[in-house]
Structure formats: structure tokens, C-alpha cells
PDB file of N, CA and C in Angstrom:
ATOM      1  N   MET A   1      -8.037   7.170   5.606  1.00  0.00           N
ATOM      2  CA  MET A   1      -6.669   7.284   6.032  1.00  0.00           C
ATOM      3  C   MET A   1      -6.541   6.623   7.392  1.00  0.00           C
ATOM      4  N   TYR A   2      -5.450   5.912   7.571  1.00  0.00           N
ATOM      5  CA  TYR A   2      -5.099   5.319   8.852  1.00  0.00           C
ATOM      6  C   TYR A   2      -3.630   5.628   9.105  1.00  0.00           C
ATOM      7  N   LEU A   3      -3.321   6.106  10.286  1.00  0.00           N
ATOM      8  CA  LEU A   3      -1.936   6.344  10.694  1.00  0.00           C
ATOM      9  C   LEU A   3      -1.757   5.831  12.106  1.00  0.00           C
ATOM     10  N   SER A   4      -0.639   5.168  12.353  1.00  0.00           N
ATOM     11  CA  SER A   4      -0.339   4.782  13.724  1.00  0.00           C
ATOM     12  C   SER A   4      -0.001   6.052  14.509  1.00  0.00           C
ATOM     13  N   GLU A   5      -0.078   5.983  15.818  1.00  0.00           N
ATOM     14  CA  GLU A   5       0.184   7.165  16.643  1.00  0.00           C
ATOM     15  C   GLU A   5       1.566   7.747  16.416  1.00  0.00           C
ATOM     16  N   ASP A   6       2.537   6.888  16.108  1.00  0.00           N
ATOM     17  CA  ASP A   6       3.910   7.365  15.902  1.00  0.00           C
ATOM     18  C   ASP A   6       4.239   7.588  14.417  1.00  0.00           C
ATOM     19  N   PHE A   7       3.246   7.456  13.535  1.00  0.00           N
ATOM     20  CA  PHE A   7       3.380   7.688  12.094  1.00  0.00           C
ATOM     21  C   PHE A   7       4.336   6.719  11.388  1.00  0.00           C
ATOM     22  N   ARG A   8       4.657   5.575  12.015  1.00  0.00           N
ATOM     23  CA  ARG A   8       5.552   4.604  11.392  1.00  0.00           C
ATOM     24  C   ARG A   8       4.865   3.777  10.325  1.00  0.00           C
ATOM     25  N   MET A   9       3.530   3.655  10.410  1.00  0.00           N
ATOM     26  CA  MET A   9       2.805   2.851   9.437  1.00  0.00           C
ATOM     27  C   MET A   9       1.414   3.404   9.254  1.00  0.00           C
ATOM     28  N   GLY A  10       0.836   3.046   8.101  1.00  0.00           N
ATOM     29  CA  GLY A  10      -0.509   3.495   7.838  1.00  0.00           C
ATOM     30  C   GLY A  10      -0.932   3.226   6.407  1.00  0.00           C
ATOM     31  N   SER A  11      -2.048   3.796   6.059  1.00  0.00           N
ATOM     32  CA  SER A  11      -2.576   3.651   4.703  1.00  0.00           C
ATOM     33  C   SER A  11      -3.382   4.893   4.354  1.00  0.00           C
ATOM     34  N   PHE A  12      -3.483   5.146   3.076  1.00  0.00           N
ATOM     35  CA  PHE A  12      -4.396   6.188   2.616  1.00  0.00           C
ATOM     36  C   PHE A  12      -4.760   5.931   1.167  1.00  0.00           C
ATOM     37  N   GLY A  13      -5.935   6.377   0.804  1.00  0.00           N
ATOM     38  CA  GLY A  13      -6.412   6.237  -0.566  1.00  0.00           C
ATOM     39  C   GLY A  13      -6.053   7.460  -1.379  1.00  0.00           C
ATOM     40  N   HIS A  14      -5.694   7.232  -2.632  1.00  0.00           N
ATOM     41  CA  HIS A  14      -5.374   8.311  -3.559  1.00  0.00           C
ATOM     42  C   HIS A  14      -6.603   8.479  -4.455  1.00  0.00           C
ATOM     43  N   PRO A  15      -7.364   9.556  -4.292  1.00  0.00           N
ATOM     44  CA  PRO A  15      -8.680   9.657  -4.927  1.00  0.00           C
ATOM     45  C   PRO A  15      -8.688   9.670  -6.459  1.00  0.00           C
ATOM     46  N   TRP A  16      -7.813  10.392  -7.113  1.00  0.00           N
ATOM     47  CA  TRP A  16      -7.909  10.427  -8.572  1.00  0.00           C
ATOM     48  C   TRP A  16      -7.113   9.309  -9.230  1.00  0.00           C
ATOM     49  N   GLU A  17      -6.194   8.678  -8.517  1.00  0.00           N
ATOM     50  CA  GLU A  17      -5.510   7.506  -9.041  1.00  0.00           C
ATOM     51  C   GLU A  17      -6.288   6.227  -8.712  1.00  0.00           C
ATOM     52  N   LYS A  18      -7.235   6.361  -7.789  1.00  0.00           N
ATOM     53  CA  LYS A  18      -8.051   5.239  -7.320  1.00  0.00           C
ATOM     54  C   LYS A  18      -7.168   4.101  -6.832  1.00  0.00           C
ATOM     55  N   SER A  19      -6.243   4.452  -5.932  1.00  0.00           N
ATOM     56  CA  SER A  19      -5.323   3.460  -5.381  1.00  0.00           C
ATOM     57  C   SER A  19      -5.307   3.561  -3.863  1.00  0.00           C
ATOM     58  N   LEU A  20      -4.791   2.526  -3.247  1.00  0.00           N
ATOM     59  CA  LEU A  20      -4.610   2.465  -1.804  1.00  0.00           C
ATOM     60  C   LEU A  20      -3.125   2.349  -1.542  1.00  0.00           C
ATOM     61  N   ARG A  21      -2.597   3.207  -0.689  1.00  0.00           N
ATOM     62  CA  ARG A  21      -1.166   3.187  -0.382  1.00  0.00           C
ATOM     63  C   ARG A  21      -0.970   2.702   1.041  1.00  0.00           C
ATOM     64  N   LEU A  22      -0.058   1.766   1.194  1.00  0.00           N
ATOM     65  CA  LEU A  22       0.304   1.228   2.500  1.00  0.00           C
ATOM     66  C   LEU A  22       1.761   1.571   2.760  1.00  0.00           C
ATOM     67  N   PHE A  23       2.098   1.887   4.007  1.00  0.00           N
ATOM     68  CA  PHE A  23       3.494   2.144   4.329  1.00  0.00           C
ATOM     69  C   PHE A  23       3.807   1.677   5.746  1.00  0.00           C
ATOM     70  N   GLY A  24       5.076   1.412   5.962  1.00  0.00           N
ATOM     71  CA  GLY A  24       5.554   0.869   7.227  1.00  0.00           C
ATOM     72  C   GLY A  24       5.791  -0.623   7.059  1.00  0.00           C
ATOM     73  N   GLN A  25       7.039  -1.046   7.211  1.00  0.00           N
ATOM     74  CA  GLN A  25       7.389  -2.429   6.912  1.00  0.00           C
ATOM     75  C   GLN A  25       6.584  -3.438   7.718  1.00  0.00           C
ATOM     76  N   GLU A  26       6.378  -3.172   8.999  1.00  0.00           N
ATOM     77  CA  GLU A  26       5.611  -4.102   9.838  1.00  0.00           C
ATOM     78  C   GLU A  26       4.192  -4.269   9.301  1.00  0.00           C
ATOM     79  N   PHE A  27       3.565  -3.181   8.912  1.00  0.00           N
ATOM     80  CA  PHE A  27       2.212  -3.212   8.351  1.00  0.00           C
ATOM     81  C   PHE A  27       2.208  -3.944   7.009  1.00  0.00           C
ATOM     82  N   LEU A  28       3.178  -3.648   6.163  1.00  0.00           N
ATOM     83  CA  LEU A  28       3.273  -4.312   4.862  1.00  0.00           C
ATOM     84  C   LEU A  28       3.462  -5.814   5.028  1.00  0.00           C
ATOM     85  N   ASP A  29       4.332  -6.216   5.947  1.00  0.00           N
ATOM     86  CA  ASP A  29       4.565  -7.637   6.183  1.00  0.00           C
ATOM     87  C   ASP A  29       3.285  -8.350   6.605  1.00  0.00           C
ATOM     88  N   THR A  30       2.459  -7.670   7.380  1.00  0.00           N
ATOM     89  CA  THR A  30       1.231  -8.259   7.893  1.00  0.00           C
ATOM     90  C   THR A  30       0.090  -8.225   6.890  1.00  0.00           C
ATOM     91  N   ALA A  31      -0.067  -7.136   6.171  1.00  0.00           N
ATOM     92  CA  ALA A  31      -1.278  -6.916   5.379  1.00  0.00           C
ATOM     93  C   ALA A  31      -1.149  -7.078   3.877  1.00  0.00           C
ATOM     94  N   SER A  32       0.028  -6.972   3.308  1.00  0.00           N
ATOM     95  CA  SER A  32       0.141  -6.872   1.850  1.00  0.00           C
ATOM     96  C   SER A  32      -0.396  -8.095   1.108  1.00  0.00           C
ATOM     97  N   ALA A  33      -0.190  -9.303   1.614  1.00  0.00           N
ATOM     98  CA  ALA A  33      -0.685 -10.498   0.911  1.00  0.00           C
ATOM     99  C   ALA A  33      -2.205 -10.489   0.837  1.00  0.00           C
ATOM    100  N   GLU A  34      -2.864 -10.129   1.930  1.00  0.00           N
ATOM    101  CA  GLU A  34      -4.333 -10.095   1.940  1.00  0.00           C
ATOM    102  C   GLU A  34      -4.871  -8.968   1.060  1.00  0.00           C
ATOM    103  N   VAL A  35      -4.228  -7.826   1.117  1.00  0.00           N
ATOM    104  CA  VAL A  35      -4.659  -6.695   0.283  1.00  0.00           C
ATOM    105  C   VAL A  35      -4.501  -7.054  -1.191  1.00  0.00           C
ATOM    106  N   GLU A  36      -3.402  -7.704  -1.535  1.00  0.00           N
ATOM    107  CA  GLU A  36      -3.170  -8.113  -2.927  1.00  0.00           C
ATOM    108  C   GLU A  36      -4.235  -9.116  -3.389  1.00  0.00           C
ATOM    109  N   LYS A  37      -4.624 -10.036  -2.527  1.00  0.00           N
ATOM    110  CA  LYS A  37      -5.705 -10.983  -2.864  1.00  0.00           C
ATOM    111  C   LYS A  37      -6.998 -10.236  -3.153  1.00  0.00           C
ATOM    112  N   LEU A  38      -7.273  -9.230  -2.361  1.00  0.00           N
ATOM    113  CA  LEU A  38      -8.512  -8.464  -2.497  1.00  0.00           C
ATOM    114  C   LEU A  38      -8.509  -7.518  -3.690  1.00  0.00           C
ATOM    115  N   LEU A  39      -7.411  -6.797  -3.869  1.00  0.00           N
ATOM    116  CA  LEU A  39      -7.382  -5.713  -4.860  1.00  0.00           C
ATOM    117  C   LEU A  39      -6.549  -6.009  -6.103  1.00  0.00           C
ATOM    118  N   GLY A  40      -5.786  -7.089  -6.090  1.00  0.00           N
ATOM    119  CA  GLY A  40      -4.956  -7.417  -7.240  1.00  0.00           C
ATOM    120  C   GLY A  40      -3.541  -6.907  -7.077  1.00  0.00           C
ATOM    121  N   GLN A  41      -2.771  -7.083  -8.143  1.00  0.00           N
ATOM    122  CA  GLN A  41      -1.364  -6.698  -8.157  1.00  0.00           C
ATOM    123  C   GLN A  41      -1.186  -5.212  -7.869  1.00  0.00           C
ATOM    124  N   PRO A  42      -0.132  -4.864  -7.145  1.00  0.00           N
ATOM    125  CA  PRO A  42       0.140  -3.435  -6.913  1.00  0.00           C
ATOM    126  C   PRO A  42       0.580  -2.751  -8.208  1.00  0.00           C
ATOM    127  N   ILE A  43       0.357  -1.448  -8.271  1.00  0.00           N
ATOM    128  CA  ILE A  43       0.822  -0.684  -9.428  1.00  0.00           C
ATOM    129  C   ILE A  43       2.207  -0.090  -9.175  1.00  0.00           C
ATOM    130  N   ARG A  44       2.584   0.016  -7.884  1.00  0.00           N
ATOM    131  CA  ARG A  44       3.906   0.509  -7.503  1.00  0.00           C
ATOM    132  C   ARG A  44       4.366  -0.174  -6.233  1.00  0.00           C
ATOM    133  N   ARG A  45       5.680  -0.299  -6.113  1.00  0.00           N
ATOM    134  CA  ARG A  45       6.324  -0.710  -4.853  1.00  0.00           C
ATOM    135  C   ARG A  45       7.502   0.187  -4.651  1.00  0.00           C
ATOM    136  N   SER A  46       7.578   0.776  -3.494  1.00  0.00           N
ATOM    137  CA  SER A  46       8.666   1.713  -3.161  1.00  0.00           C
ATOM    138  C   SER A  46       8.788   2.814  -4.220  1.00  0.00           C
ATOM    139  N   GLY A  47       7.654   3.265  -4.720  1.00  0.00           N
ATOM    140  CA  GLY A  47       7.632   4.359  -5.685  1.00  0.00           C
ATOM    141  C   GLY A  47       7.929   3.983  -7.119  1.00  0.00           C
ATOM    142  N   ARG A  48       8.176   2.709  -7.380  1.00  0.00           N
ATOM    143  CA  ARG A  48       8.510   2.260  -8.743  1.00  0.00           C
ATOM    144  C   ARG A  48       7.402   1.417  -9.333  1.00  0.00           C
ATOM    145  N   ALA A  49       7.126   1.622 -10.591  1.00  0.00           N
ATOM    146  CA  ALA A  49       6.079   0.875 -11.284  1.00  0.00           C
ATOM    147  C   ALA A  49       6.364  -0.625 -11.212  1.00  0.00           C
ATOM    148  N   VAL A  50       5.313  -1.405 -11.040  1.00  0.00           N
ATOM    149  CA  VAL A  50       5.412  -2.861 -10.982  1.00  0.00           C
ATOM    150  C   VAL A  50       4.785  -3.430 -12.234  1.00  0.00           C
ATOM    151  N   GLY A  51       5.448  -4.414 -12.819  1.00  0.00           N
ATOM    152  CA  GLY A  51       4.866  -5.131 -13.957  1.00  0.00           C
ATOM    153  C   GLY A  51       4.922  -4.432 -15.290  1.00  0.00           C
ATOM    154  N   THR A  52       5.723  -3.384 -15.405  1.00  0.00           N
ATOM    155  CA  THR A  52       5.874  -2.729 -16.696  1.00  0.00           C
ATOM    156  C   THR A  52       7.297  -2.919 -17.203  1.00  0.00           C
ATOM    157  N   ALA A  53       7.430  -3.005 -18.483  1.00  0.00           N
ATOM    158  CA  ALA A  53       8.764  -3.217 -19.080  1.00  0.00           C
ATOM    159  C   ALA A  53       9.470  -1.917 -19.333  1.00  0.00           C
TER     160      ALA A  53
END
């Protein structure tokens, strides 16, 4: 788990879903492209499933 001092951004792993959650727009703008390269497509964005019909 990582949280900024003011709790505006951070990340944490979800153990039984085996996922990594990122939050905070500034953090997402900076890190999401690299994280996606490393881990693949996200399964959710803003709480909504990605890539499902």
C-alpha cells in the first residue's frame, strides 16, 4: 500500500482479486501507461469493468 500524506493519491493491492488499484488523477496521469505496459489492460476504470460487452 502507498498513500500520499494528504490521501489524494496512492495504490494498494487487492489480495484475493490479485489486482493493483491506483487512485488520484495526478498519480494516474503519471503512472498508468507504465503500469499498463507492465501488467496489461486494466480490469476496471472508475469502478466499471473494462473490455466486457
